[in-house]
């Protein structure tokens, strides 16, 4: 994920990732614990508010992926 043109975005494609202002990797457990939280300012420093928005967005995406995994395993 990252900040592209001032906006937090999830699941960046190559063009977005290579040109983003901030690049972030987040790995979470199903219970919401962090395994990895790593952010790098590529073009401009990011604020605590932007970091919080990225972490919240990551949580949403990870919860969705976990739900999809559960559905697939139940099928």
C-alpha atoms as a PDB file:
ATOM      1  CA  UNK A   1       0.000   0.000   0.000  1.00  0.00           C
ATOM      2  CA  UNK A   2       1.085   3.581  -0.171  1.00  0.00           C
ATOM      3  CA  UNK A   3       0.278   7.224  -0.596  1.00  0.00           C
ATOM      4  CA  UNK A   4      -0.206   8.095  -4.250  1.00  0.00           C
ATOM      5  CA  UNK A   5      -0.952  11.702  -5.196  1.00  0.00           C
ATOM      6  CA  UNK A   6      -1.722  12.448  -1.544  1.00  0.00           C
ATOM      7  CA  UNK A   7      -4.235   9.594  -1.137  1.00  0.00           C
ATOM      8  CA  UNK A   8      -3.809   6.310   0.739  1.00  0.00           C
ATOM      9  CA  UNK A   9      -4.215   3.345  -1.638  1.00  0.00           C
ATOM     10  CA  UNK A  10      -4.303  -0.388  -1.124  1.00  0.00           C
ATOM     11  CA  UNK A  11      -2.737  -3.006  -3.405  1.00  0.00           C
ATOM     12  CA  UNK A  12      -0.646  -0.729  -5.605  1.00  0.00           C
ATOM     13  CA  UNK A  13       0.200  -1.782  -9.127  1.00  0.00           C
ATOM     14  CA  UNK A  14       3.779  -1.389 -10.377  1.00  0.00           C
ATOM     15  CA  UNK A  15       3.343   2.151 -11.720  1.00  0.00           C
ATOM     16  CA  UNK A  16       1.724   3.349  -8.480  1.00  0.00           C
ATOM     17  CA  UNK A  17       4.287   1.570  -6.306  1.00  0.00           C
ATOM     18  CA  UNK A  18       7.295   2.882  -8.201  1.00  0.00           C
ATOM     19  CA  UNK A  19       6.031   6.481  -8.093  1.00  0.00           C
ATOM     20  CA  UNK A  20       4.333   6.705  -4.701  1.00  0.00           C
ATOM     21  CA  UNK A  21       5.203   9.231  -2.008  1.00  0.00           C
ATOM     22  CA  UNK A  22       5.064   6.599   0.733  1.00  0.00           C
ATOM     23  CA  UNK A  23       5.408   2.831   0.500  1.00  0.00           C
ATOM     24  CA  UNK A  24       4.106   0.676   3.354  1.00  0.00           C
ATOM     25  CA  UNK A  25       4.007  -3.046   4.106  1.00  0.00           C
ATOM     26  CA  UNK A  26       1.644  -4.379   6.765  1.00  0.00           C
ATOM     27  CA  UNK A  27       1.207  -7.994   7.862  1.00  0.00           C
ATOM     28  CA  UNK A  28      -1.407  -8.757  10.500  1.00  0.00           C
ATOM     29  CA  UNK A  29      -2.744 -11.830  12.224  1.00  0.00           C
ATOM     30  CA  UNK A  30      -6.406 -12.758  12.111  1.00  0.00           C
ATOM     31  CA  UNK A  31      -6.799 -11.361  15.636  1.00  0.00           C
ATOM     32  CA  UNK A  32      -5.406  -7.978  14.532  1.00  0.00           C
ATOM     33  CA  UNK A  33      -1.857  -8.239  15.861  1.00  0.00           C
ATOM     34  CA  UNK A  34       1.009  -6.891  13.805  1.00  0.00           C
ATOM     35  CA  UNK A  35       3.604  -9.226  12.343  1.00  0.00           C
ATOM     36  CA  UNK A  36       5.209  -6.499  10.219  1.00  0.00           C
ATOM     37  CA  UNK A  37       4.700  -2.764   9.973  1.00  0.00           C
ATOM     38  CA  UNK A  38       7.164  -1.001   7.698  1.00  0.00           C
ATOM     39  CA  UNK A  39       6.781   2.353   5.988  1.00  0.00           C
ATOM     40  CA  UNK A  40       9.208   4.339   3.875  1.00  0.00           C
ATOM     41  CA  UNK A  41       8.907   7.903   2.649  1.00  0.00           C
ATOM     42  CA  UNK A  42       9.845   7.681  -1.026  1.00  0.00           C
ATOM     43  CA  UNK A  43       9.066  11.228  -2.156  1.00  0.00           C
ATOM     44  CA  UNK A  44       7.928  13.145   0.908  1.00  0.00           C
ATOM     45  CA  UNK A  45       7.736  12.457   4.626  1.00  0.00           C
ATOM     46  CA  UNK A  46       4.373  11.135   5.794  1.00  0.00           C
ATOM     47  CA  UNK A  47       2.442  12.413   8.784  1.00  0.00           C
ATOM     48  CA  UNK A  48       1.139  10.430  11.760  1.00  0.00           C
ATOM     49  CA  UNK A  49      -2.390  11.009  10.397  1.00  0.00           C
ATOM     50  CA  UNK A  50      -1.405   9.506   7.027  1.00  0.00           C
ATOM     51  CA  UNK A  51       0.279   6.557   8.763  1.00  0.00           C
ATOM     52  CA  UNK A  52      -2.877   5.910  10.795  1.00  0.00           C
ATOM     53  CA  UNK A  53      -4.960   6.031   7.594  1.00  0.00           C
ATOM     54  CA  UNK A  54      -2.647   3.522   5.888  1.00  0.00           C
ATOM     55  CA  UNK A  55      -2.725   1.133   8.854  1.00  0.00           C
ATOM     56  CA  UNK A  56      -6.544   1.362   8.996  1.00  0.00           C
ATOM     57  CA  UNK A  57      -6.762   0.696   5.253  1.00  0.00           C
ATOM     58  CA  UNK A  58      -4.427  -2.278   5.634  1.00  0.00           C
ATOM     59  CA  UNK A  59      -6.628  -3.676   8.389  1.00  0.00           C
ATOM     60  CA  UNK A  60      -9.697  -3.428   6.150  1.00  0.00           C
ATOM     61  CA  UNK A  61      -7.925  -5.167   3.281  1.00  0.00           C
ATOM     62  CA  UNK A  62      -6.455  -7.897   5.464  1.00  0.00           C
ATOM     63  CA  UNK A  63      -9.820  -8.614   7.122  1.00  0.00           C
ATOM     64  CA  UNK A  64     -11.380  -8.923   3.652  1.00  0.00           C
ATOM     65  CA  UNK A  65      -8.656 -11.340   2.509  1.00  0.00           C
ATOM     66  CA  UNK A  66      -9.092 -13.449   5.642  1.00  0.00           C
ATOM     67  CA  UNK A  67     -12.860 -13.588   5.062  1.00  0.00           C
ATOM     68  CA  UNK A  68     -12.309 -14.699   1.465  1.00  0.00           C
ATOM     69  CA  UNK A  69      -9.866 -17.376   2.628  1.00  0.00           C
ATOM     70  CA  UNK A  70     -12.423 -18.695   5.128  1.00  0.00           C
ATOM     71  CA  UNK A  71     -15.096 -18.794   2.395  1.00  0.00           C
ATOM     72  CA  UNK A  72     -12.773 -20.696   0.064  1.00  0.00           C
ATOM     73  CA  UNK A  73     -11.869 -23.219   2.733  1.00  0.00           C
ATOM     74  CA  UNK A  74     -15.513 -23.805   3.582  1.00  0.00           C
ATOM     75  CA  UNK A  75     -16.475 -24.402  -0.066  1.00  0.00           C
END
